[in-house]
């Protein structure tokens, strides 16, 4: 693999790592680890830890899909492997 291919995969894996860290923090962190701390804050009448575990994480996951698609498109264009 040439230098350009290695740089492309390094950028791709870097993006995936960042996305997975956010996913983990939101799903496991906000929903389980920090739930007691977050439950002191209320959102729409429900404790924030409960809200993240039930609904908030889904909103974040959908947002992550759009962020991934946008950033991956930028990486593809940067390394000239995009489809158009």
C-alpha atoms as a PDB file:
ATOM      1  CA  UNK A   1       0.000   0.000   0.000  1.00  0.00           C
ATOM      2  CA  UNK A   2       1.359   3.421  -0.876  1.00  0.00           C
ATOM      3  CA  UNK A   3       1.633   6.418   1.466  1.00  0.00           C
ATOM      4  CA  UNK A   4      -1.663   7.868   0.248  1.00  0.00           C
ATOM      5  CA  UNK A   5      -3.510   4.632   1.025  1.00  0.00           C
ATOM      6  CA  UNK A   6      -1.969   4.432   4.475  1.00  0.00           C
ATOM      7  CA  UNK A   7      -2.902   8.041   5.199  1.00  0.00           C
ATOM      8  CA  UNK A   8      -6.465   7.385   4.001  1.00  0.00           C
ATOM      9  CA  UNK A   9      -6.894   4.406   6.321  1.00  0.00           C
ATOM     10  CA  UNK A  10      -5.293   6.267   9.201  1.00  0.00           C
ATOM     11  CA  UNK A  11      -7.798   9.117   8.735  1.00  0.00           C
ATOM     12  CA  UNK A  12     -10.689   6.650   8.420  1.00  0.00           C
ATOM     13  CA  UNK A  13      -9.706   4.724  11.539  1.00  0.00           C
ATOM     14  CA  UNK A  14      -9.197   7.992  13.423  1.00  0.00           C
ATOM     15  CA  UNK A  15     -12.734   9.063  12.562  1.00  0.00           C
ATOM     16  CA  UNK A  16     -14.150   5.680  13.549  1.00  0.00           C
ATOM     17  CA  UNK A  17     -12.286   5.810  16.852  1.00  0.00           C
ATOM     18  CA  UNK A  18     -13.731   9.232  17.667  1.00  0.00           C
ATOM     19  CA  UNK A  19     -17.260   8.137  16.711  1.00  0.00           C
ATOM     20  CA  UNK A  20     -17.000   4.981  18.829  1.00  0.00           C
ATOM     21  CA  UNK A  21     -15.715   6.934  21.828  1.00  0.00           C
ATOM     22  CA  UNK A  22     -18.713   9.286  21.645  1.00  0.00           C
ATOM     23  CA  UNK A  23     -21.022   6.277  21.220  1.00  0.00           C
ATOM     24  CA  UNK A  24     -19.539   4.572  24.279  1.00  0.00           C
ATOM     25  CA  UNK A  25     -19.639   7.684  26.472  1.00  0.00           C
ATOM     26  CA  UNK A  26     -23.263   8.373  25.568  1.00  0.00           C
ATOM     27  CA  UNK A  27     -24.593   4.823  25.779  1.00  0.00           C
ATOM     28  CA  UNK A  28     -22.585   3.353  28.637  1.00  0.00           C
ATOM     29  CA  UNK A  29     -21.424   6.520  30.383  1.00  0.00           C
ATOM     30  CA  UNK A  30     -24.578   8.655  30.405  1.00  0.00           C
ATOM     31  CA  UNK A  31     -26.987   5.731  30.580  1.00  0.00           C
ATOM     32  CA  UNK A  32     -25.209   3.646  33.243  1.00  0.00           C
ATOM     33  CA  UNK A  33     -22.019   5.054  34.794  1.00  0.00           C
ATOM     34  CA  UNK A  34     -23.096   8.651  35.331  1.00  0.00           C
ATOM     35  CA  UNK A  35     -26.850   8.007  35.630  1.00  0.00           C
ATOM     36  CA  UNK A  36     -27.004   8.795  39.353  1.00  0.00           C
ATOM     37  CA  UNK A  37     -25.184  12.092  38.849  1.00  0.00           C
ATOM     38  CA  UNK A  38     -27.308  12.999  35.820  1.00  0.00           C
ATOM     39  CA  UNK A  39     -30.537  12.095  37.619  1.00  0.00           C
ATOM     40  CA  UNK A  40     -30.135  15.268  39.707  1.00  0.00           C
ATOM     41  CA  UNK A  41     -30.968  17.208  36.520  1.00  0.00           C
ATOM     42  CA  UNK A  42     -34.476  16.941  35.052  1.00  0.00           C
ATOM     43  CA  UNK A  43     -35.433  17.257  31.394  1.00  0.00           C
ATOM     44  CA  UNK A  44     -39.116  17.339  30.528  1.00  0.00           C
ATOM     45  CA  UNK A  45     -40.014  16.108  34.006  1.00  0.00           C
ATOM     46  CA  UNK A  46     -37.738  13.054  33.814  1.00  0.00           C
ATOM     47  CA  UNK A  47     -34.304  12.544  35.361  1.00  0.00           C
ATOM     48  CA  UNK A  48     -31.580  13.198  32.777  1.00  0.00           C
ATOM     49  CA  UNK A  49     -29.892   9.819  33.340  1.00  0.00           C
ATOM     50  CA  UNK A  50     -33.170   8.039  32.617  1.00  0.00           C
ATOM     51  CA  UNK A  51     -33.792  10.260  29.593  1.00  0.00           C
ATOM     52  CA  UNK A  52     -30.364   9.450  28.128  1.00  0.00           C
ATOM     53  CA  UNK A  53     -30.853   5.739  28.722  1.00  0.00           C
ATOM     54  CA  UNK A  54     -34.290   5.735  27.085  1.00  0.00           C
ATOM     55  CA  UNK A  55     -34.304   8.436  24.403  1.00  0.00           C
ATOM     56  CA  UNK A  56     -31.319  10.760  24.419  1.00  0.00           C
ATOM     57  CA  UNK A  57     -28.833   8.188  23.258  1.00  0.00           C
ATOM     58  CA  UNK A  58     -30.957   7.452  20.183  1.00  0.00           C
ATOM     59  CA  UNK A  59     -30.836  11.118  19.162  1.00  0.00           C
ATOM     60  CA  UNK A  60     -27.069  11.141  19.615  1.00  0.00           C
ATOM     61  CA  UNK A  61     -26.700   7.915  17.594  1.00  0.00           C
ATOM     62  CA  UNK A  62     -28.693   9.347  14.685  1.00  0.00           C
ATOM     63  CA  UNK A  63     -26.583  12.520  14.840  1.00  0.00           C
ATOM     64  CA  UNK A  64     -23.441  10.344  14.783  1.00  0.00           C
ATOM     65  CA  UNK A  65     -24.618   8.734  11.544  1.00  0.00           C
ATOM     66  CA  UNK A  66     -24.874  12.142   9.874  1.00  0.00           C
ATOM     67  CA  UNK A  67     -21.543  13.313  11.313  1.00  0.00           C
ATOM     68  CA  UNK A  68     -19.865  10.114  10.098  1.00  0.00           C
ATOM     69  CA  UNK A  69     -21.322  10.475   6.589  1.00  0.00           C
ATOM     70  CA  UNK A  70     -20.242  14.130   6.339  1.00  0.00           C
ATOM     71  CA  UNK A  71     -16.737  13.567   7.701  1.00  0.00           C
ATOM     72  CA  UNK A  72     -16.211  10.417   5.644  1.00  0.00           C
ATOM     73  CA  UNK A  73     -17.224  12.356   2.528  1.00  0.00           C
ATOM     74  CA  UNK A  74     -14.621  14.988   3.395  1.00  0.00           C
ATOM     75  CA  UNK A  75     -11.953  12.320   3.875  1.00  0.00           C
ATOM     76  CA  UNK A  76     -12.903  10.673   0.568  1.00  0.00           C
ATOM     77  CA  UNK A  77     -12.649  13.993  -1.285  1.00  0.00           C
ATOM     78  CA  UNK A  78      -9.330  14.804   0.392  1.00  0.00           C
ATOM     79  CA  UNK A  79      -7.822  11.526  -0.852  1.00  0.00           C
ATOM     80  CA  UNK A  80      -9.701  11.636  -4.194  1.00  0.00           C
ATOM     81  CA  UNK A  81     -11.607   8.392  -3.705  1.00  0.00           C
ATOM     82  CA  UNK A  82     -15.073   9.948  -3.678  1.00  0.00           C
ATOM     83  CA  UNK A  83     -18.045   8.955  -5.835  1.00  0.00           C
ATOM     84  CA  UNK A  84     -19.922  11.568  -7.831  1.00  0.00           C
END
